[in-house]
Structure formats: C-alpha cells, structure tokens
Amino acid sequence: DQLNSASVTVEELRSLMNETASKLPEYPIVMQMKGVGPSLGPQLMAEIGDVTRFTHKGALTAFAGVDP
C-alpha cells in the first residue's frame, strides 16, 4: 500500500512539474531535444534555471559537467 501511495504521489508531482514547466518560453525547445520527455524536460529546466545566465553554449556544457 505504501509503495502504491508513493508511486501515485510521484506521478502527481511529475504531472505538476510538467504543467508548470510548460508555461515557460524555453519549454518547446527543451522538449524537442532527443531523449527528452515529460519527466526529464522539466527536471532539466529546474536544474539549469535561467538559461540566459550562460553567455554561450560552452558555458552551459561546462555547467553540466560534460565539457571534456
């Protein structure tokens, strides 16, 4: 019962995250990225925050920790 309850809560939170993120102007761009769906998209947007704080795409790559 507890596992089912936790699963329902997680799905409700995912739905709310997606609904909230969909109101942001960058949502369509993020959602067009390969491999990004309604769960990962809002998570990425929450982690990155205001994308305009990055001066160029290399800065975002470095922030993500995937810059060799």
C-alpha atoms as a PDB file:
ATOM      1  CA  ASP A   1       0.000   0.000   0.000  1.00  0.00           C
ATOM      2  CA  GLN A   2       2.809   2.409   0.880  1.00  0.00           C
ATOM      3  CA  LEU A   3       4.628   1.719  -2.389  1.00  0.00           C
ATOM      4  CA  ASN A   4       1.459   2.292  -4.393  1.00  0.00           C
ATOM      5  CA  SER A   5       0.802   5.503  -2.491  1.00  0.00           C
ATOM      6  CA  ALA A   6       4.358   6.733  -3.105  1.00  0.00           C
ATOM      7  CA  SER A   7       4.045   5.882  -6.796  1.00  0.00           C
ATOM      8  CA  VAL A   8       0.828   7.879  -7.104  1.00  0.00           C
ATOM      9  CA  THR A   9       2.448  10.838  -5.330  1.00  0.00           C
ATOM     10  CA  VAL A  10       5.476  10.746  -7.657  1.00  0.00           C
ATOM     11  CA  GLU A  11       3.237  10.722 -10.725  1.00  0.00           C
ATOM     12  CA  GLU A  12       1.222  13.652  -9.379  1.00  0.00           C
ATOM     13  CA  LEU A  13       4.439  15.620  -8.771  1.00  0.00           C
ATOM     14  CA  ARG A  14       5.730  14.787 -12.267  1.00  0.00           C
ATOM     15  CA  SER A  15       2.491  15.998 -13.746  1.00  0.00           C
ATOM     16  CA  LEU A  16       2.661  19.264 -11.785  1.00  0.00           C
ATOM     17  CA  MET A  17       6.307  19.786 -12.785  1.00  0.00           C
ATOM     18  CA  ASN A  18       5.437  19.304 -16.450  1.00  0.00           C
ATOM     19  CA  GLU A  19       2.420  21.606 -16.198  1.00  0.00           C
ATOM     20  CA  THR A  20       4.498  24.333 -14.531  1.00  0.00           C
ATOM     21  CA  ALA A  21       7.433  23.965 -16.934  1.00  0.00           C
ATOM     22  CA  SER A  22       5.140  24.089 -19.961  1.00  0.00           C
ATOM     23  CA  LYS A  23       4.365  27.722 -19.122  1.00  0.00           C
ATOM     24  CA  LEU A  24       7.997  28.768 -19.643  1.00  0.00           C
ATOM     25  CA  PRO A  25       9.176  30.057 -23.031  1.00  0.00           C
ATOM     26  CA  GLU A  26      12.029  27.535 -23.327  1.00  0.00           C
ATOM     27  CA  TYR A  27       9.760  24.523 -22.813  1.00  0.00           C
ATOM     28  CA  PRO A  28       9.170  23.751 -26.533  1.00  0.00           C
ATOM     29  CA  ILE A  29      12.901  23.924 -27.250  1.00  0.00           C
ATOM     30  CA  VAL A  30      13.819  21.615 -24.389  1.00  0.00           C
ATOM     31  CA  MET A  31      11.078  19.163 -25.291  1.00  0.00           C
ATOM     32  CA  GLN A  32      12.380  18.928 -28.889  1.00  0.00           C
ATOM     33  CA  MET A  33      15.730  17.621 -27.659  1.00  0.00           C
ATOM     34  CA  LYS A  34      16.308  13.962 -28.493  1.00  0.00           C
ATOM     35  CA  GLY A  35      15.649  11.726 -25.496  1.00  0.00           C
ATOM     36  CA  VAL A  36      13.835  14.402 -23.502  1.00  0.00           C
ATOM     37  CA  GLY A  37      10.307  13.647 -22.411  1.00  0.00           C
ATOM     38  CA  PRO A  38       7.724  14.955 -19.971  1.00  0.00           C
ATOM     39  CA  SER A  39       9.735  13.776 -16.986  1.00  0.00           C
ATOM     40  CA  LEU A  40      13.291  14.721 -17.969  1.00  0.00           C
ATOM     41  CA  GLY A  41      12.413  18.049 -19.633  1.00  0.00           C
ATOM     42  CA  PRO A  42      11.076  19.781 -16.516  1.00  0.00           C
ATOM     43  CA  GLN A  43      13.935  18.319 -14.465  1.00  0.00           C
ATOM     44  CA  LEU A  44      16.498  19.763 -16.849  1.00  0.00           C
ATOM     45  CA  MET A  45      14.801  23.133 -16.790  1.00  0.00           C
ATOM     46  CA  ALA A  46      14.735  23.130 -12.987  1.00  0.00           C
ATOM     47  CA  GLU A  47      18.422  22.207 -12.756  1.00  0.00           C
ATOM     48  CA  ILE A  48      19.559  24.775 -15.326  1.00  0.00           C
ATOM     49  CA  GLY A  49      17.351  27.618 -14.120  1.00  0.00           C
ATOM     50  CA  ASP A  50      17.604  30.856 -16.071  1.00  0.00           C
ATOM     51  CA  VAL A  51      19.433  29.854 -19.244  1.00  0.00           C
ATOM     52  CA  THR A  52      20.243  33.476 -20.078  1.00  0.00           C
ATOM     53  CA  ARG A  53      22.891  33.474 -17.348  1.00  0.00           C
ATOM     54  CA  PHE A  54      25.095  31.394 -19.657  1.00  0.00           C
ATOM     55  CA  THR A  55      27.000  33.517 -22.150  1.00  0.00           C
ATOM     56  CA  HIS A  56      27.362  30.732 -24.733  1.00  0.00           C
ATOM     57  CA  LYS A  57      26.547  27.047 -25.183  1.00  0.00           C
ATOM     58  CA  GLY A  58      30.007  26.061 -23.950  1.00  0.00           C
ATOM     59  CA  ALA A  59      29.218  27.652 -20.595  1.00  0.00           C
ATOM     60  CA  LEU A  60      26.108  25.516 -20.264  1.00  0.00           C
ATOM     61  CA  THR A  61      28.080  22.429 -21.258  1.00  0.00           C
ATOM     62  CA  ALA A  62      30.675  23.213 -18.595  1.00  0.00           C
ATOM     63  CA  PHE A  63      27.919  23.754 -16.022  1.00  0.00           C
ATOM     64  CA  ALA A  64      26.518  20.339 -16.876  1.00  0.00           C
ATOM     65  CA  GLY A  65      29.942  18.794 -16.341  1.00  0.00           C
ATOM     66  CA  VAL A  66      30.166  17.211 -19.776  1.00  0.00           C
ATOM     67  CA  ASP A  67      32.875  19.507 -21.177  1.00  0.00           C
ATOM     68  CA  PRO A  68      35.978  17.366 -21.781  1.00  0.00           C
END
